[in-house]
N, C-alpha and C. Protein backbone atom coordinates (compact mmCIF):
# COMPACT_ATOMS: atom_id res chain seq x y z
N MET A 1 0.92 -1.15 0.11
CA MET A 1 -0.18 -0.09 -0.20
C MET A 1 0.58 1.05 0.00
N ARG A 2 -0.06 1.89 -0.45
CA ARG A 2 0.76 3.72 -0.56
C ARG A 2 0.38 4.67 0.33
N PRO A 3 1.23 5.76 1.09
CA PRO A 3 0.55 6.72 1.62
C PRO A 3 -0.39 7.29 1.38
N GLY A 4 -1.37 7.94 1.38
CA GLY A 4 -2.55 8.44 1.05
C GLY A 4 -3.25 8.86 2.05
N ASN A 5 -4.33 8.80 1.60
CA ASN A 5 -5.97 9.18 2.20
C ASN A 5 -6.83 8.09 1.83
N VAL A 6 -8.26 7.80 2.80
CA VAL A 6 -9.41 6.68 2.18
C VAL A 6 -10.34 8.05 2.22
N ALA A 7 -11.53 7.22 1.77
CA ALA A 7 -12.89 8.46 1.88
C ALA A 7 -13.74 6.96 2.76
N SER A 8 -14.21 8.15 3.53
CA SER A 8 -15.38 6.37 3.80
C SER A 8 -17.14 6.57 3.33
N ALA A 9 -17.48 5.69 3.25
CA ALA A 9 -18.90 5.68 2.62
C ALA A 9 -19.62 7.62 2.83
N GLN A 10 -19.43 8.27 4.36
CA GLN A 10 -19.84 9.61 5.23
C GLN A 10 -19.16 10.30 4.32
N GLY A 11 -17.51 9.98 3.58
CA GLY A 11 -17.36 11.04 3.01
C GLY A 11 -16.21 11.71 4.01
N LEU A 12 -15.79 11.39 4.90
CA LEU A 12 -14.67 11.94 6.11
C LEU A 12 -13.29 11.19 5.37
N GLU A 13 -12.67 11.59 5.47
CA GLU A 13 -11.19 11.34 4.94
C GLU A 13 -9.84 10.98 6.37
N PHE A 14 -10.06 9.66 5.47
CA PHE A 14 -8.13 9.06 6.69
C PHE A 14 -7.30 9.05 6.09
N ALA A 15 -6.52 9.60 7.10
CA ALA A 15 -4.77 9.20 6.15
C ALA A 15 -4.28 7.37 5.95
N VAL A 16 -3.47 6.99 5.25
CA VAL A 16 -3.39 5.54 5.09
C VAL A 16 -1.92 5.62 5.61
N ASP A 17 -1.70 4.68 6.54
CA ASP A 17 -0.73 4.29 7.13
C ASP A 17 0.06 3.57 6.43
N ALA A 18 0.98 3.75 5.98
CA ALA A 18 2.09 2.39 4.87
C ALA A 18 3.40 1.29 6.02
N THR A 19 2.75 1.37 7.35
CA THR A 19 4.19 1.06 8.11
C THR A 19 3.45 -0.65 7.51
N PRO A 20 5.02 -1.80 7.81
CA PRO A 20 4.27 -2.93 7.68
C PRO A 20 3.69 -4.04 8.45
N SER A 21 2.87 -4.41 7.59
CA SER A 21 2.28 -5.64 8.33
C SER A 21 2.50 -6.52 9.69
N VAL A 22 4.11 -6.83 9.06
CA VAL A 22 4.54 -7.50 9.62
C VAL A 22 5.19 -7.07 11.27
N LEU A 23 5.30 -5.71 11.56
CA LEU A 23 5.36 -4.85 12.78
C LEU A 23 3.88 -4.64 13.61
N TYR A 24 2.81 -5.15 13.43
CA TYR A 24 1.76 -5.60 14.05
C TYR A 24 1.34 -6.43 14.66
N ASP A 25 1.18 -6.11 16.70
CA ASP A 25 0.73 -7.29 17.12
C ASP A 25 -0.22 -8.76 17.18
N ALA A 26 -1.46 -7.61 16.44
CA ALA A 26 -2.64 -8.35 16.10
C ALA A 26 -3.34 -7.83 15.11
N LEU A 27 -4.74 -8.52 14.94
CA LEU A 27 -5.81 -7.40 13.76
C LEU A 27 -7.07 -7.64 14.54
N ALA A 28 -7.96 -6.88 14.26
CA ALA A 28 -9.40 -6.79 14.40
C ALA A 28 -9.82 -6.63 12.81
N ILE A 29 -11.05 -7.15 12.70
CA ILE A 29 -11.38 -6.95 11.33
C ILE A 29 -13.06 -6.68 11.97
N PRO A 30 -13.71 -5.79 11.80
CA PRO A 30 -14.97 -5.19 12.22
C PRO A 30 -15.84 -5.82 11.03
N GLY A 31 -16.41 -6.13 11.79
CA GLY A 31 -18.26 -6.37 10.78
C GLY A 31 -18.54 -5.46 9.99
N GLY A 32 -20.11 -5.82 9.27
CA GLY A 32 -20.53 -5.50 8.11
C GLY A 32 -20.86 -5.50 6.92
N LYS A 33 -21.85 -5.85 6.25
CA LYS A 33 -21.87 -6.45 4.95
C LYS A 33 -21.02 -5.72 4.11
N ASP A 34 -21.48 -4.83 4.27
CA ASP A 34 -20.96 -3.91 2.60
C ASP A 34 -19.41 -3.73 2.52
N ALA A 35 -19.00 -3.48 4.01
CA ALA A 35 -17.86 -3.37 3.86
C ALA A 35 -16.82 -4.61 3.31
N ALA A 36 -17.55 -5.91 4.51
CA ALA A 36 -16.65 -7.58 3.98
C ALA A 36 -16.76 -7.40 2.88
N GLN A 37 -18.20 -7.17 1.95
CA GLN A 37 -18.54 -7.56 0.23
C GLN A 37 -16.85 -6.54 -0.42
N GLU A 38 -16.58 -5.26 0.06
CA GLU A 38 -15.08 -4.79 -0.61
C GLU A 38 -14.45 -5.00 -0.24
N ILE A 39 -14.20 -5.02 1.18
CA ILE A 39 -12.30 -5.43 1.51
C ILE A 39 -12.38 -7.35 1.28
N SER A 40 -13.76 -7.47 0.86
CA SER A 40 -13.15 -8.89 0.10
C SER A 40 -12.21 -8.68 -1.22
N GLN A 41 -12.77 -7.70 -1.71
CA GLN A 41 -12.33 -7.94 -3.49
C GLN A 41 -11.05 -6.79 -3.34
N TRP A 42 -10.33 -6.29 -2.04
CA TRP A 42 -9.89 -5.71 -2.28
C TRP A 42 -8.09 -5.95 -2.48
N ARG A 43 -7.23 -6.71 -3.32
CA ARG A 43 -6.35 -7.39 -2.76
C ARG A 43 -4.84 -6.44 -2.19
N PRO A 44 -4.62 -5.50 -1.85
CA PRO A 44 -4.09 -4.98 -0.73
C PRO A 44 -4.57 -5.26 0.44
N GLY A 45 -5.89 -5.50 1.05
CA GLY A 45 -6.67 -5.43 2.62
C GLY A 45 -6.10 -6.85 2.88
N LEU A 46 -6.33 -7.83 0.97
CA LEU A 46 -6.36 -9.52 1.87
C LEU A 46 -5.27 -10.05 2.24
N GLU A 47 -4.31 -9.46 1.48
CA GLU A 47 -2.43 -10.10 1.48
C GLU A 47 -2.52 -9.75 3.20
N PHE A 48 -2.56 -7.95 3.41
CA PHE A 48 -2.81 -7.63 4.33
C PHE A 48 -3.18 -8.71 5.78
N ILE A 49 -3.92 -9.10 6.02
CA ILE A 49 -4.68 -9.83 7.18
C ILE A 49 -3.88 -11.25 6.56
N ARG A 50 -3.19 -12.03 4.93
CA ARG A 50 -2.40 -12.96 4.86
C ARG A 50 -1.37 -13.05 5.53
N GLU A 51 -0.64 -11.91 5.93
CA GLU A 51 0.95 -11.87 6.25
C GLU A 51 0.71 -11.41 7.77
N ARG A 52 -0.82 -11.23 8.56
CA ARG A 52 -0.61 -11.23 9.95
C ARG A 52 -0.99 -12.95 9.75
N TYR A 53 -2.02 -13.24 9.41
CA TYR A 53 -2.19 -15.11 9.55
C TYR A 53 -0.45 -15.64 9.30
N ARG A 54 0.07 -15.45 8.52
CA ARG A 54 1.40 -15.88 7.99
C ARG A 54 2.64 -16.23 9.60
N HIS A 55 2.13 -14.99 9.70
CA HIS A 55 2.97 -14.41 10.75
C HIS A 55 2.91 -14.80 12.40
N CYS A 56 1.78 -15.60 12.41
CA CYS A 56 1.14 -16.30 13.69
C CYS A 56 0.47 -15.65 14.73
N LYS A 57 0.16 -14.13 14.24
CA LYS A 57 -0.49 -13.14 14.89
C LYS A 57 -1.78 -13.33 14.92
N PRO A 58 -2.38 -12.67 16.49
CA PRO A 58 -3.83 -13.41 16.70
C PRO A 58 -4.73 -12.47 15.59
N VAL A 59 -6.06 -12.81 15.20
CA VAL A 59 -6.57 -12.13 14.59
C VAL A 59 -8.18 -12.25 15.08
N LEU A 60 -9.33 -11.21 14.96
CA LEU A 60 -10.55 -11.49 15.23
C LEU A 60 -11.60 -10.69 14.52
N ALA A 61 -12.52 -11.61 13.64
CA ALA A 61 -13.50 -11.01 13.36
C ALA A 61 -14.51 -11.17 13.85
N PHE A 62 -15.54 -9.61 13.16
CA PHE A 62 -16.81 -9.50 13.76
C PHE A 62 -17.47 -10.36 12.92
N GLY A 63 -18.75 -10.89 13.03
CA GLY A 63 -19.55 -11.52 11.96
C GLY A 63 -19.85 -11.51 10.95
N ALA A 64 -20.20 -10.40 9.82
CA ALA A 64 -19.83 -10.63 8.10
C ALA A 64 -18.34 -10.48 8.20
N ALA A 65 -17.39 -10.11 9.02
CA ALA A 65 -16.42 -10.03 8.31
C ALA A 65 -15.26 -11.40 8.38
N ARG A 66 -16.57 -12.62 8.51
CA ARG A 66 -16.09 -13.77 8.17
C ARG A 66 -16.01 -14.24 6.86
N GLU A 67 -16.54 -13.25 5.54
CA GLU A 67 -15.66 -13.45 4.26
C GLU A 67 -14.88 -13.01 3.91
N ILE A 68 -14.33 -11.74 4.77
CA ILE A 68 -13.73 -11.96 4.26
C ILE A 68 -12.05 -12.86 4.78
N LEU A 69 -11.66 -13.55 5.87
CA LEU A 69 -11.38 -14.75 6.13
C LEU A 69 -11.41 -15.52 4.78
N ASP A 70 -12.54 -15.69 4.58
CA ASP A 70 -12.68 -16.72 3.51
C ASP A 70 -12.04 -16.37 1.91
N ALA A 71 -11.93 -15.03 1.78
CA ALA A 71 -11.31 -13.93 0.94
C ALA A 71 -10.04 -14.47 0.74
N ALA A 72 -9.35 -14.08 2.15
CA ALA A 72 -8.03 -14.45 2.37
C ALA A 72 -7.28 -15.67 2.11
N GLY A 73 -8.44 -16.66 2.59
CA GLY A 73 -7.50 -18.30 2.69
C GLY A 73 -7.59 -18.25 4.10
N VAL A 74 -7.94 -17.82 4.74
CA VAL A 74 -7.62 -17.72 6.41
C VAL A 74 -8.28 -19.33 6.53
N ARG A 75 -7.49 -20.04 7.65
CA ARG A 75 -8.73 -21.19 7.25
C ARG A 75 -8.33 -21.23 9.14
N PRO A 76 -9.79 -21.78 9.67
CA PRO A 76 -10.85 -21.59 10.75
C PRO A 76 -10.40 -22.18 11.56
N MET A 77 -9.36 -23.55 11.38
CA MET A 77 -9.11 -25.03 12.10
C MET A 77 -7.70 -25.18 11.24
N LEU A 78 -6.80 -25.46 12.89
CA LEU A 78 -5.34 -26.00 12.30
C LEU A 78 -5.64 -27.17 11.62
N LEU A 79 -4.35 -27.44 10.90
CA LEU A 79 -4.02 -28.55 10.55
C LEU A 79 -4.76 -30.10 11.23
N ALA A 80 -4.72 -30.35 12.18
CA ALA A 80 -4.85 -31.29 13.45
C ALA A 80 -6.42 -31.43 13.16
N GLY A 81 -6.67 -30.13 13.06
CA GLY A 81 -8.09 -30.49 13.18
C GLY A 81 -9.35 -29.81 14.00
N GLU A 82 -8.05 -28.85 14.96
CA GLU A 82 -8.68 -28.19 15.85
C GLU A 82 -8.61 -26.32 15.89
N PRO A 83 -9.55 -26.41 16.75
CA PRO A 83 -9.55 -24.61 16.61
C PRO A 83 -8.51 -24.09 16.49
N ASP A 84 -8.16 -22.93 15.86
CA ASP A 84 -6.76 -22.35 15.67
C ASP A 84 -7.19 -21.18 17.18
N PRO A 85 -6.14 -20.87 18.21
CA PRO A 85 -6.51 -20.43 19.33
C PRO A 85 -6.60 -18.30 18.93
N GLY A 86 -5.60 -18.59 18.11
CA GLY A 86 -5.24 -17.17 17.89
C GLY A 86 -5.50 -16.82 16.64
N LEU A 87 -7.21 -17.21 16.28
CA LEU A 87 -8.23 -16.42 15.61
C LEU A 87 -9.70 -16.65 15.67
N ILE A 88 -9.54 -15.81 16.07
CA ILE A 88 -11.73 -14.89 17.20
C ILE A 88 -12.41 -15.27 15.65
N VAL A 89 -13.33 -15.79 15.52
CA VAL A 89 -14.78 -15.43 14.58
C VAL A 89 -15.76 -15.31 15.89
N CYS A 90 -16.14 -14.32 15.68
CA CYS A 90 -17.94 -14.47 15.72
C CYS A 90 -18.71 -13.88 15.53
N ALA A 91 -19.66 -14.12 16.29
CA ALA A 91 -21.42 -13.71 15.27
C ALA A 91 -21.69 -12.38 16.42
N ASP A 92 -22.45 -11.45 15.98
CA ASP A 92 -22.21 -10.06 16.15
C ASP A 92 -22.46 -9.66 18.44
N ASP A 93 -23.87 -11.48 18.89
CA ASP A 93 -24.25 -11.12 19.92
C ASP A 93 -22.43 -11.76 20.93
N GLU A 94 -22.13 -12.50 20.15
CA GLU A 94 -21.07 -12.90 21.37
C GLU A 94 -19.91 -11.95 21.48
N ILE A 95 -19.51 -10.19 21.04
CA ILE A 95 -18.75 -10.12 21.27
C ILE A 95 -18.05 -9.71 22.22
N ALA A 96 -18.09 -9.71 23.69
CA ALA A 96 -17.44 -9.62 25.04
C ALA A 96 -15.97 -10.65 24.68
N THR A 97 -17.45 -11.96 24.31
CA THR A 97 -16.43 -13.33 24.90
C THR A 97 -15.29 -13.26 23.89
N ALA A 98 -15.79 -12.70 22.35
CA ALA A 98 -14.25 -12.95 21.38
C ALA A 98 -13.62 -11.84 22.62
N ILE A 99 -13.71 -10.42 22.85
CA ILE A 99 -12.72 -9.95 22.74
C ILE A 99 -12.10 -10.11 24.23
N ASP A 100 -12.76 -11.44 24.87
CA ASP A 100 -11.23 -11.26 25.95
C ASP A 100 -11.05 -12.70 25.70
N GLU A 101 -11.37 -13.58 24.49
CA GLU A 101 -10.77 -14.73 23.92
C GLU A 101 -9.17 -13.96 23.15
N PHE A 102 -9.79 -13.35 22.35
CA PHE A 102 -8.74 -11.79 21.55
C PHE A 102 -7.50 -11.29 22.72
N VAL A 103 -8.03 -10.74 23.92
CA VAL A 103 -7.18 -10.48 24.48
C VAL A 103 -5.97 -11.61 25.20
N LYS A 104 -6.54 -12.36 25.33
CA LYS A 104 -5.91 -13.44 25.67
C LYS A 104 -4.87 -14.22 24.57
N ALA A 105 -5.21 -14.34 23.68
CA ALA A 105 -4.63 -14.18 22.03
C ALA A 105 -3.27 -13.58 22.18
N ILE A 106 -3.90 -12.33 22.08
CA ILE A 106 -2.44 -11.68 21.87
C ILE A 106 -1.43 -11.28 22.87
N ALA A 107 -1.77 -11.88 24.31
CA ALA A 107 -1.16 -12.38 25.68
C ALA A 107 0.17 -13.24 24.92
N ALA A 108 -0.52 -14.52 24.15
CA ALA A 108 0.27 -15.46 24.19
C ALA A 108 1.67 -14.86 23.07
N HIS A 109 0.98 -13.47 21.99
CA HIS A 109 1.92 -12.88 21.18
C HIS A 109 1.90 -13.85 19.61
N ARG A 110 2.29 -14.75 19.88
CA ARG A 110 2.65 -15.55 18.36
C ARG A 110 1.69 -17.78 18.65
N HIS A 111 0.81 -17.46 17.41
CA HIS A 111 0.63 -18.77 17.94
C HIS A 111 0.67 -20.05 16.33
N PHE A 112 1.94 -20.38 16.75
CA PHE A 112 2.84 -21.06 15.98
C PHE A 112 2.35 -21.91 15.31
N ALA A 113 1.77 -22.74 16.02
CA ALA A 113 0.60 -23.87 15.06
C ALA A 113 -0.19 -23.91 14.22
N ARG A 114 -0.18 -22.93 13.77
CA ARG A 114 -0.92 -22.64 12.07
C ARG A 114 -0.09 -22.44 11.22
N GLN A 115 1.50 -22.56 11.55
CA GLN A 115 2.63 -22.01 10.79
C GLN A 115 1.78 -23.19 9.14
N VAL A 116 1.31 -22.30 8.33
CA VAL A 116 1.42 -23.42 6.59
C VAL A 116 1.27 -22.20 6.20
N ASP A 117 0.78 -22.95 4.82
CA ASP A 117 1.33 -21.84 3.44
C ASP A 117 -0.30 -21.52 3.00
N LEU A 118 -0.65 -21.04 2.72
CA LEU A 118 -1.79 -20.14 2.37
C LEU A 118 -1.90 -19.99 0.64
N VAL A 119 -2.86 -19.60 0.58
CA VAL A 119 -3.36 -19.38 -1.26
C VAL A 119 -2.69 -18.97 -1.56
């Protein structure tokens, strides 16, 4: 990604941070059907998510953000068939529990059991 500004649906402008994704400790992806559909087609955004996943960092996805994970090729289960403790996916009515799980996942820092190749 290159630095610059992006506009929200409401016309608000936000600066784009060009910091490499490997420097982030975790990633939270908010829900929203319209946003999920758009981000699911945005290659730089999908690559950012893949990089967080490949670097074994915690990822939290709310509601419709599940579509984004699918588009990025992020698997909800480890190869051993167990749930990935560093990947928290929740419905909108499970947010409080999911945030508690996410905090624990961040405290573990990395989740090396997921070291797999992605699409």
